[in-house]
PDB file of N, CA and C in Angstrom:
ATOM      1  N   UNK A   1     -17.862  26.709  12.657  1.00  0.00           N
ATOM      2  CA  UNK A   1     -16.870  26.953  13.684  1.00  0.00           C
ATOM      3  C   UNK A   1     -16.856  25.780  14.661  1.00  0.00           C
ATOM      4  N   UNK A   2     -15.692  25.423  15.101  1.00  0.00           N
ATOM      5  CA  UNK A   2     -15.519  24.319  16.040  1.00  0.00           C
ATOM      6  C   UNK A   2     -16.070  24.688  17.409  1.00  0.00           C
ATOM      7  N   UNK A   3     -16.913  23.805  17.944  1.00  0.00           N
ATOM      8  CA  UNK A   3     -17.530  24.047  19.245  1.00  0.00           C
ATOM      9  C   UNK A   3     -17.198  22.877  20.172  1.00  0.00           C
ATOM     10  N   UNK A   4     -16.311  23.081  21.167  1.00  0.00           N
ATOM     11  CA  UNK A   4     -15.937  21.995  22.071  1.00  0.00           C
ATOM     12  C   UNK A   4     -17.124  21.403  22.824  1.00  0.00           C
ATOM     13  N   UNK A   5     -18.139  22.208  23.099  1.00  0.00           N
ATOM     14  CA  UNK A   5     -19.321  21.703  23.809  1.00  0.00           C
ATOM     15  C   UNK A   5     -20.023  20.636  22.970  1.00  0.00           C
ATOM     16  N   UNK A   6     -20.045  20.814  21.650  1.00  0.00           N
ATOM     17  CA  UNK A   6     -20.670  19.817  20.781  1.00  0.00           C
ATOM     18  C   UNK A   6     -19.916  18.495  20.836  1.00  0.00           C
ATOM     19  N   UNK A   7     -18.604  18.568  20.900  1.00  0.00           N
ATOM     20  CA  UNK A   7     -17.796  17.352  21.026  1.00  0.00           C
ATOM     21  C   UNK A   7     -18.101  16.671  22.365  1.00  0.00           C
ATOM     22  N   UNK A   8     -18.190  17.441  23.437  1.00  0.00           N
ATOM     23  CA  UNK A   8     -18.515  16.882  24.747  1.00  0.00           C
ATOM     24  C   UNK A   8     -19.887  16.220  24.718  1.00  0.00           C
ATOM     25  N   UNK A   9     -20.878  16.880  24.109  1.00  0.00           N
ATOM     26  CA  UNK A   9     -22.222  16.312  24.005  1.00  0.00           C
ATOM     27  C   UNK A   9     -22.206  15.029  23.183  1.00  0.00           C
ATOM     28  N   UNK A  10     -21.419  15.031  22.120  1.00  0.00           N
ATOM     29  CA  UNK A  10     -21.293  13.853  21.272  1.00  0.00           C
ATOM     30  C   UNK A  10     -20.712  12.679  22.067  1.00  0.00           C
ATOM     31  N   UNK A  11     -19.666  12.930  22.818  1.00  0.00           N
ATOM     32  CA  UNK A  11     -19.032  11.873  23.607  1.00  0.00           C
ATOM     33  C   UNK A  11     -19.960  11.385  24.715  1.00  0.00           C
ATOM     34  N   UNK A  12     -20.711  12.292  25.288  1.00  0.00           N
ATOM     35  CA  UNK A  12     -21.628  11.961  26.378  1.00  0.00           C
ATOM     36  C   UNK A  12     -22.690  10.960  25.909  1.00  0.00           C
ATOM     37  N   UNK A  13     -23.131  11.109  24.669  1.00  0.00           N
ATOM     38  CA  UNK A  13     -24.184  10.255  24.131  1.00  0.00           C
ATOM     39  C   UNK A  13     -23.658   9.174  23.186  1.00  0.00           C
ATOM     40  N   UNK A  14     -22.376   8.935  23.199  1.00  0.00           N
ATOM     41  CA  UNK A  14     -21.746   8.040  22.229  1.00  0.00           C
ATOM     42  C   UNK A  14     -22.306   6.617  22.273  1.00  0.00           C
ATOM     43  N   UNK A  15     -22.529   6.077  23.442  1.00  0.00           N
ATOM     44  CA  UNK A  15     -23.022   4.703  23.551  1.00  0.00           C
ATOM     45  C   UNK A  15     -24.385   4.534  22.909  1.00  0.00           C
ATOM     46  N   UNK A  16     -25.290   5.439  23.215  1.00  0.00           N
ATOM     47  CA  UNK A  16     -26.627   5.371  22.639  1.00  0.00           C
ATOM     48  C   UNK A  16     -26.586   5.610  21.132  1.00  0.00           C
ATOM     49  N   UNK A  17     -25.762   6.559  20.736  1.00  0.00           N
ATOM     50  CA  UNK A  17     -25.633   6.856  19.312  1.00  0.00           C
ATOM     51  C   UNK A  17     -25.088   5.656  18.549  1.00  0.00           C
ATOM     52  N   UNK A  18     -24.099   4.985  19.130  1.00  0.00           N
ATOM     53  CA  UNK A  18     -23.508   3.826  18.467  1.00  0.00           C
ATOM     54  C   UNK A  18     -24.564   2.739  18.276  1.00  0.00           C
ATOM     55  N   UNK A  19     -25.385   2.524  19.289  1.00  0.00           N
ATOM     56  CA  UNK A  19     -26.444   1.519  19.197  1.00  0.00           C
ATOM     57  C   UNK A  19     -27.429   1.898  18.093  1.00  0.00           C
ATOM     58  N   UNK A  20     -27.835   3.166  18.053  1.00  0.00           N
ATOM     59  CA  UNK A  20     -28.766   3.626  17.027  1.00  0.00           C
ATOM     60  C   UNK A  20     -28.175   3.497  15.632  1.00  0.00           C
ATOM     61  N   UNK A  21     -26.913   3.851  15.499  1.00  0.00           N
ATOM     62  CA  UNK A  21     -26.244   3.754  14.205  1.00  0.00           C
ATOM     63  C   UNK A  21     -26.167   2.297  13.765  1.00  0.00           C
ATOM     64  N   UNK A  22     -25.789   1.404  14.667  1.00  0.00           N
ATOM     65  CA  UNK A  22     -25.676  -0.006  14.323  1.00  0.00           C
ATOM     66  C   UNK A  22     -27.017  -0.576  13.882  1.00  0.00           C
ATOM     67  N   UNK A  23     -28.085  -0.206  14.595  1.00  0.00           N
ATOM     68  CA  UNK A  23     -29.407  -0.693  14.224  1.00  0.00           C
ATOM     69  C   UNK A  23     -29.813  -0.180  12.852  1.00  0.00           C
ATOM     70  N   UNK A  24     -29.569   1.097  12.607  1.00  0.00           N
ATOM     71  CA  UNK A  24     -29.916   1.691  11.316  1.00  0.00           C
ATOM     72  C   UNK A  24     -29.122   1.039  10.190  1.00  0.00           C
ATOM     73  N   UNK A  25     -27.822   0.895  10.388  1.00  0.00           N
ATOM     74  CA  UNK A  25     -26.981   0.333   9.339  1.00  0.00           C
ATOM     75  C   UNK A  25     -27.301  -1.134   9.085  1.00  0.00           C
ATOM     76  N   UNK A  26     -27.639  -1.860  10.142  1.00  0.00           N
ATOM     77  CA  UNK A  26     -27.957  -3.282   9.977  1.00  0.00           C
ATOM     78  C   UNK A  26     -29.207  -3.459   9.111  1.00  0.00           C
ATOM     79  N   UNK A  27     -30.112  -2.496   9.180  1.00  0.00           N
ATOM     80  CA  UNK A  27     -31.345  -2.601   8.397  1.00  0.00           C
ATOM     81  C   UNK A  27     -31.143  -2.208   6.935  1.00  0.00           C
ATOM     82  N   UNK A  28     -29.982  -1.672   6.606  1.00  0.00           N
ATOM     83  CA  UNK A  28     -29.692  -1.292   5.223  1.00  0.00           C
ATOM     84  C   UNK A  28     -29.592  -2.548   4.361  1.00  0.00           C
ATOM     85  N   UNK A  29     -29.966  -2.408   3.113  1.00  0.00           N
ATOM     86  CA  UNK A  29     -29.835  -3.494   2.145  1.00  0.00           C
ATOM     87  C   UNK A  29     -29.231  -2.908   0.876  1.00  0.00           C
ATOM     88  N   UNK A  30     -28.489  -3.727   0.178  1.00  0.00           N
ATOM     89  CA  UNK A  30     -27.936  -3.308  -1.110  1.00  0.00           C
ATOM     90  C   UNK A  30     -27.945  -4.498  -2.045  1.00  0.00           C
ATOM     91  N   UNK A  31     -28.294  -4.223  -3.289  1.00  0.00           N
ATOM     92  CA  UNK A  31     -28.245  -5.272  -4.298  1.00  0.00           C
ATOM     93  C   UNK A  31     -27.158  -4.940  -5.296  1.00  0.00           C
ATOM     94  N   UNK A  32     -26.261  -5.876  -5.469  1.00  0.00           N
ATOM     95  CA  UNK A  32     -25.230  -5.740  -6.480  1.00  0.00           C
ATOM     96  C   UNK A  32     -25.548  -6.670  -7.631  1.00  0.00           C
ATOM     97  N   UNK A  33     -25.143  -6.268  -8.805  1.00  0.00           N
ATOM     98  CA  UNK A  33     -25.390  -7.129  -9.960  1.00  0.00           C
ATOM     99  C   UNK A  33     -24.198  -7.078 -10.902  1.00  0.00           C
ATOM    100  N   UNK A  34     -24.151  -8.077 -11.770  1.00  0.00           N
ATOM    101  CA  UNK A  34     -23.075  -8.147 -12.761  1.00  0.00           C
ATOM    102  C   UNK A  34     -23.589  -8.918 -13.970  1.00  0.00           C
ATOM    103  N   UNK A  35     -22.905  -8.720 -15.083  1.00  0.00           N
ATOM    104  CA  UNK A  35     -23.271  -9.441 -16.291  1.00  0.00           C
ATOM    105  C   UNK A  35     -24.654  -9.098 -16.788  1.00  0.00           C
ATOM    106  N   UNK A  36     -25.014  -7.828 -16.723  1.00  0.00           N
ATOM    107  CA  UNK A  36     -26.344  -7.429 -17.182  1.00  0.00           C
ATOM    108  C   UNK A  36     -27.444  -8.069 -16.356  1.00  0.00           C
ATOM    109  N   UNK A  37     -27.238  -8.100 -15.053  1.00  0.00           N
ATOM    110  CA  UNK A  37     -28.190  -8.677 -14.078  1.00  0.00           C
ATOM    111  C   UNK A  37     -28.287 -10.199 -14.169  1.00  0.00           C
ATOM    112  N   UNK A  38     -27.294 -10.835 -14.768  1.00  0.00           N
ATOM    113  CA  UNK A  38     -27.305 -12.295 -14.804  1.00  0.00           C
ATOM    114  C   UNK A  38     -26.955 -12.873 -13.436  1.00  0.00           C
ATOM    115  N   UNK A  39     -26.247 -12.079 -12.634  1.00  0.00           N
ATOM    116  CA  UNK A  39     -25.942 -12.455 -11.249  1.00  0.00           C
ATOM    117  C   UNK A  39     -26.356 -11.289 -10.378  1.00  0.00           C
ATOM    118  N   UNK A  40     -27.160 -11.583  -9.349  1.00  0.00           N
ATOM    119  CA  UNK A  40     -27.608 -10.561  -8.405  1.00  0.00           C
ATOM    120  C   UNK A  40     -27.319 -11.042  -6.991  1.00  0.00           C
ATOM    121  N   UNK A  41     -26.818 -10.126  -6.169  1.00  0.00           N
ATOM    122  CA  UNK A  41     -26.491 -10.431  -4.785  1.00  0.00           C
ATOM    123  C   UNK A  41     -27.202  -9.409  -3.897  1.00  0.00           C
ATOM    124  N   UNK A  42     -27.922  -9.894  -2.892  1.00  0.00           N
ATOM    125  CA  UNK A  42     -28.547  -9.020  -1.911  1.00  0.00           C
ATOM    126  C   UNK A  42     -27.764  -9.130  -0.616  1.00  0.00           C
ATOM    127  N   UNK A  43     -27.295  -7.987  -0.104  1.00  0.00           N
ATOM    128  CA  UNK A  43     -26.453  -7.950   1.085  1.00  0.00           C
ATOM    129  C   UNK A  43     -27.091  -7.025   2.115  1.00  0.00           C
ATOM    130  N   UNK A  44     -26.989  -7.399   3.399  1.00  0.00           N
ATOM    131  CA  UNK A  44     -27.507  -6.522   4.450  1.00  0.00           C
ATOM    132  C   UNK A  44     -26.390  -5.637   4.992  1.00  0.00           C
ATOM    133  N   UNK A  45     -26.772  -4.727   5.891  1.00  0.00           N
ATOM    134  CA  UNK A  45     -25.834  -3.756   6.433  1.00  0.00           C
ATOM    135  C   UNK A  45     -24.731  -4.342   7.292  1.00  0.00           C
ATOM    136  N   UNK A  46     -24.843  -5.616   7.624  1.00  0.00           N
ATOM    137  CA  UNK A  46     -23.764  -6.299   8.341  1.00  0.00           C
ATOM    138  C   UNK A  46     -22.814  -6.987   7.366  1.00  0.00           C
ATOM    139  N   UNK A  47     -22.968  -6.659   6.087  1.00  0.00           N
ATOM    140  CA  UNK A  47     -22.161  -7.229   5.007  1.00  0.00           C
ATOM    141  C   UNK A  47     -22.314  -8.743   4.920  1.00  0.00           C
ATOM    142  N   UNK A  48     -23.528  -9.217   5.223  1.00  0.00           N
ATOM    143  CA  UNK A  48     -23.851 -10.631   5.077  1.00  0.00           C
ATOM    144  C   UNK A  48     -24.693 -10.792   3.816  1.00  0.00           C
ATOM    145  N   UNK A  49     -24.385 -11.787   3.020  1.00  0.00           N
ATOM    146  CA  UNK A  49     -25.152 -12.037   1.806  1.00  0.00           C
ATOM    147  C   UNK A  49     -26.441 -12.734   2.201  1.00  0.00           C
ATOM    148  N   UNK A  50     -27.566 -12.144   1.790  1.00  0.00           N
ATOM    149  CA  UNK A  50     -28.870 -12.719   2.094  1.00  0.00           C
ATOM    150  C   UNK A  50     -29.377 -13.607   0.973  1.00  0.00           C
ATOM    151  N   UNK A  51     -29.035 -13.265  -0.254  1.00  0.00           N
ATOM    152  CA  UNK A  51     -29.446 -14.113  -1.368  1.00  0.00           C
ATOM    153  C   UNK A  51     -28.554 -13.875  -2.575  1.00  0.00           C
ATOM    154  N   UNK A  52     -28.502 -14.892  -3.413  1.00  0.00           N
ATOM    155  CA  UNK A  52     -27.773 -14.815  -4.679  1.00  0.00           C
ATOM    156  C   UNK A  52     -28.684 -15.406  -5.756  1.00  0.00           C
ATOM    157  N   UNK A  53     -28.855 -14.665  -6.843  1.00  0.00           N
ATOM    158  CA  UNK A  53     -29.602 -15.161  -7.996  1.00  0.00           C
ATOM    159  C   UNK A  53     -28.625 -15.305  -9.156  1.00  0.00           C
ATOM    160  N   UNK A  54     -28.667 -16.471  -9.801  1.00  0.00           N
ATOM    161  CA  UNK A  54     -27.760 -16.752 -10.915  1.00  0.00           C
ATOM    162  C   UNK A  54     -28.578 -17.232 -12.104  1.00  0.00           C
ATOM    163  N   UNK A  55     -28.390 -16.572 -13.235  1.00  0.00           N
ATOM    164  CA  UNK A  55     -29.056 -16.992 -14.466  1.00  0.00           C
ATOM    165  C   UNK A  55     -28.555 -18.389 -14.829  1.00  0.00           C
ATOM    166  N   UNK A  56     -29.479 -19.251 -15.166  1.00  0.00           N
ATOM    167  CA  UNK A  56     -29.148 -20.644 -15.438  1.00  0.00           C
ATOM    168  C   UNK A  56     -28.151 -20.820 -16.586  1.00  0.00           C
ATOM    169  N   UNK A  57     -28.132 -19.893 -17.497  1.00  0.00           N
ATOM    170  CA  UNK A  57     -27.228 -20.010 -18.647  1.00  0.00           C
ATOM    171  C   UNK A  57     -25.756 -19.931 -18.244  1.00  0.00           C
ATOM    172  N   UNK A  58     -25.483 -19.475 -17.037  1.00  0.00           N
ATOM    173  CA  UNK A  58     -24.097 -19.341 -16.567  1.00  0.00           C
ATOM    174  C   UNK A  58     -23.543 -20.605 -15.918  1.00  0.00           C
ATOM    175  N   UNK A  59     -24.377 -21.574 -15.687  1.00  0.00           N
ATOM    176  CA  UNK A  59     -23.973 -22.736 -14.899  1.00  0.00           C
ATOM    177  C   UNK A  59     -22.935 -23.630 -15.585  1.00  0.00           C
ATOM    178  N   UNK A  60     -22.698 -23.445 -16.856  1.00  0.00           N
ATOM    179  CA  UNK A  60     -21.722 -24.269 -17.580  1.00  0.00           C
ATOM    180  C   UNK A  60     -20.374 -23.587 -17.746  1.00  0.00           C
ATOM    181  N   UNK A  61     -20.242 -22.370 -17.249  1.00  0.00           N
ATOM    182  CA  UNK A  61     -18.985 -21.623 -17.403  1.00  0.00           C
ATOM    183  C   UNK A  61     -18.510 -21.172 -16.013  1.00  0.00           C
ATOM    184  N   UNK A  62     -17.830 -22.080 -15.347  1.00  0.00           N
ATOM    185  CA  UNK A  62     -17.440 -21.855 -13.959  1.00  0.00           C
ATOM    186  C   UNK A  62     -16.600 -20.591 -13.768  1.00  0.00           C
ATOM    187  N   UNK A  63     -15.595 -20.386 -14.580  1.00  0.00           N
ATOM    188  CA  UNK A  63     -14.697 -19.231 -14.405  1.00  0.00           C
ATOM    189  C   UNK A  63     -15.449 -17.919 -14.601  1.00  0.00           C
ATOM    190  N   UNK A  64     -16.298 -17.851 -15.628  1.00  0.00           N
ATOM    191  CA  UNK A  64     -17.073 -16.641 -15.879  1.00  0.00           C
ATOM    192  C   UNK A  64     -18.048 -16.392 -14.734  1.00  0.00           C
ATOM    193  N   UNK A  65     -18.699 -17.445 -14.272  1.00  0.00           N
ATOM    194  CA  UNK A  65     -19.637 -17.329 -13.150  1.00  0.00           C
ATOM    195  C   UNK A  65     -18.929 -16.822 -11.902  1.00  0.00           C
ATOM    196  N   UNK A  66     -17.756 -17.346 -11.619  1.00  0.00           N
ATOM    197  CA  UNK A  66     -16.996 -16.893 -10.444  1.00  0.00           C
ATOM    198  C   UNK A  66     -16.682 -15.403 -10.538  1.00  0.00           C
ATOM    199  N   UNK A  67     -16.289 -14.947 -11.722  1.00  0.00           N
ATOM    200  CA  UNK A  67     -15.991 -13.525 -11.916  1.00  0.00           C
ATOM    201  C   UNK A  67     -17.236 -12.667 -11.703  1.00  0.00           C
ATOM    202  N   UNK A  68     -18.372 -13.123 -12.223  1.00  0.00           N
ATOM    203  CA  UNK A  68     -19.603 -12.351 -12.076  1.00  0.00           C
ATOM    204  C   UNK A  68     -20.078 -12.300 -10.628  1.00  0.00           C
ATOM    205  N   UNK A  69     -19.958 -13.411  -9.903  1.00  0.00           N
ATOM    206  CA  UNK A  69     -20.350 -13.418  -8.482  1.00  0.00           C
ATOM    207  C   UNK A  69     -19.464 -12.458  -7.704  1.00  0.00           C
ATOM    208  N   UNK A  70     -18.171 -12.512  -7.960  1.00  0.00           N
ATOM    209  CA  UNK A  70     -17.241 -11.600  -7.290  1.00  0.00           C
ATOM    210  C   UNK A  70     -17.600 -10.150  -7.596  1.00  0.00           C
ATOM    211  N   UNK A  71     -17.890  -9.846  -8.832  1.00  0.00           N
ATOM    212  CA  UNK A  71     -18.248  -8.482  -9.220  1.00  0.00           C
ATOM    213  C   UNK A  71     -19.551  -8.036  -8.561  1.00  0.00           C
ATOM    214  N   UNK A  72     -20.532  -8.908  -8.506  1.00  0.00           N
ATOM    215  CA  UNK A  72     -21.815  -8.563  -7.892  1.00  0.00           C
ATOM    216  C   UNK A  72     -21.655  -8.321  -6.389  1.00  0.00           C
ATOM    217  N   UNK A  73     -20.860  -9.133  -5.725  1.00  0.00           N
ATOM    218  CA  UNK A  73     -20.608  -8.940  -4.284  1.00  0.00           C
ATOM    219  C   UNK A  73     -19.878  -7.622  -4.062  1.00  0.00           C
ATOM    220  N   UNK A  74     -18.875  -7.340  -4.875  1.00  0.00           N
ATOM    221  CA  UNK A  74     -18.150  -6.070  -4.747  1.00  0.00           C
ATOM    222  C   UNK A  74     -19.061  -4.882  -5.007  1.00  0.00           C
ATOM    223  N   UNK A  75     -19.967  -5.004  -5.941  1.00  0.00           N
ATOM    224  CA  UNK A  75     -20.919  -3.938  -6.253  1.00  0.00           C
ATOM    225  C   UNK A  75     -21.831  -3.673  -5.047  1.00  0.00           C
ATOM    226  N   UNK A  76     -22.383  -4.720  -4.455  1.00  0.00           N
ATOM    227  CA  UNK A  76     -23.242  -4.565  -3.276  1.00  0.00           C
ATOM    228  C   UNK A  76     -22.461  -3.972  -2.110  1.00  0.00           C
ATOM    229  N   UNK A  77     -21.239  -4.429  -1.910  1.00  0.00           N
ATOM    230  CA  UNK A  77     -20.395  -3.916  -0.826  1.00  0.00           C
ATOM    231  C   UNK A  77     -20.135  -2.428  -1.010  1.00  0.00           C
ATOM    232  N   UNK A  78     -19.832  -2.032  -2.222  1.00  0.00           N
ATOM    233  CA  UNK A  78     -19.581  -0.623  -2.522  1.00  0.00           C
ATOM    234  C   UNK A  78     -20.820   0.227  -2.244  1.00  0.00           C
ATOM    235  N   UNK A  79     -21.981  -0.267  -2.642  1.00  0.00           N
ATOM    236  CA  UNK A  79     -23.222   0.465  -2.388  1.00  0.00           C
ATOM    237  C   UNK A  79     -23.475   0.628  -0.897  1.00  0.00           C
ATOM    238  N   UNK A  80     -23.251  -0.430  -0.123  1.00  0.00           N
ATOM    239  CA  UNK A  80     -23.446  -0.340   1.327  1.00  0.00           C
ATOM    240  C   UNK A  80     -22.486   0.665   1.953  1.00  0.00           C
ATOM    241  N   UNK A  81     -21.239   0.629   1.541  1.00  0.00           N
ATOM    242  CA  UNK A  81     -20.258   1.576   2.090  1.00  0.00           C
ATOM    243  C   UNK A  81     -20.671   3.019   1.805  1.00  0.00           C
ATOM    244  N   UNK A  82     -21.095   3.285   0.582  1.00  0.00           N
ATOM    245  CA  UNK A  82     -21.530   4.634   0.230  1.00  0.00           C
ATOM    246  C   UNK A  82     -22.737   5.057   1.054  1.00  0.00           C
ATOM    247  N   UNK A  83     -23.673   4.143   1.228  1.00  0.00           N
ATOM    248  CA  UNK A  83     -24.871   4.429   2.013  1.00  0.00           C
ATOM    249  C   UNK A  83     -24.507   4.723   3.462  1.00  0.00           C
ATOM    250  N   UNK A  84     -23.593   3.941   4.014  1.00  0.00           N
ATOM    251  CA  UNK A  84     -23.158   4.138   5.400  1.00  0.00           C
ATOM    252  C   UNK A  84     -22.437   5.475   5.564  1.00  0.00           C
ATOM    253  N   UNK A  85     -21.584   5.805   4.615  1.00  0.00           N
ATOM    254  CA  UNK A  85     -20.860   7.076   4.682  1.00  0.00           C
ATOM    255  C   UNK A  85     -21.840   8.235   4.638  1.00  0.00           C
ATOM    256  N   UNK A  86     -22.807   8.165   3.727  1.00  0.00           N
ATOM    257  CA  UNK A  86     -23.810   9.228   3.633  1.00  0.00           C
ATOM    258  C   UNK A  86     -24.603   9.355   4.929  1.00  0.00           C
ATOM    259  N   UNK A  87     -25.002   8.206   5.495  1.00  0.00           N
ATOM    260  CA  UNK A  87     -25.769   8.234   6.745  1.00  0.00           C
ATOM    261  C   UNK A  87     -24.942   8.827   7.881  1.00  0.00           C
ATOM    262  N   UNK A  88     -23.699   8.401   8.003  1.00  0.00           N
ATOM    263  CA  UNK A  88     -22.855   8.911   9.085  1.00  0.00           C
ATOM    264  C   UNK A  88     -22.567  10.395   8.913  1.00  0.00           C
ATOM    265  N   UNK A  89     -22.398  10.837   7.675  1.00  0.00           N
ATOM    266  CA  UNK A  89     -22.186  12.271   7.434  1.00  0.00           C
ATOM    267  C   UNK A  89     -23.404  13.065   7.876  1.00  0.00           C
ATOM    268  N   UNK A  90     -24.588  12.596   7.524  1.00  0.00           N
ATOM    269  CA  UNK A  90     -25.801  13.319   7.908  1.00  0.00           C
ATOM    270  C   UNK A  90     -26.006  13.262   9.417  1.00  0.00           C
ATOM    271  N   UNK A  91     -25.610  12.164  10.030  1.00  0.00           N
ATOM    272  CA  UNK A  91     -25.780  11.996  11.470  1.00  0.00           C
ATOM    273  C   UNK A  91     -24.853  12.932  12.256  1.00  0.00           C
ATOM    274  N   UNK A  92     -23.625  13.071  11.785  1.00  0.00           N
ATOM    275  CA  UNK A  92     -22.642  13.866  12.528  1.00  0.00           C
ATOM    276  C   UNK A  92     -22.648  15.338  12.136  1.00  0.00           C
ATOM    277  N   UNK A  93     -23.349  15.681  11.057  1.00  0.00           N
ATOM    278  CA  UNK A  93     -23.343  17.084  10.620  1.00  0.00           C
ATOM    279  C   UNK A  93     -23.952  18.019  11.648  1.00  0.00           C
ATOM    280  N   UNK A  94     -24.861  17.524  12.464  1.00  0.00           N
ATOM    281  CA  UNK A  94     -25.489  18.352  13.497  1.00  0.00           C
ATOM    282  C   UNK A  94     -24.533  18.709  14.614  1.00  0.00           C
ATOM    283  N   UNK A  95     -23.398  18.045  14.656  1.00  0.00           N
ATOM    284  CA  UNK A  95     -22.412  18.315  15.711  1.00  0.00           C
ATOM    285  C   UNK A  95     -21.285  19.203  15.207  1.00  0.00           C
ATOM    286  N   UNK A  96     -21.379  19.657  13.976  1.00  0.00           N
ATOM    287  CA  UNK A  96     -20.363  20.539  13.420  1.00  0.00           C
ATOM    288  C   UNK A  96     -19.068  19.835  13.121  1.00  0.00           C
ATOM    289  N   UNK A  97     -19.137  18.526  12.857  1.00  0.00           N
ATOM    290  CA  UNK A  97     -17.929  17.753  12.572  1.00  0.00           C
ATOM    291  C   UNK A  97     -17.700  17.663  11.087  1.00  0.00           C
TER     292      UNK A  97
END
């Protein structure tokens, strides 16, 4: 059931909650991979790439390598988004939202 007091409490603590959420999400990490792990990308919760690993056998096929890097980055991004959604759902569930 909708409780207006919970919304008021949520708004009252919004600044602190936002800071806590940002800190938690920033510490998240996700690894995306493509080509049977021939390309691996490690991304943090700020959607910054921390590292990229590329199998040496790919270095002679520029177009294929570009596709695999793009796929690995998209995979890591998707994982981070899912993780963030799950975290935010669990965080806001206590407020009846």
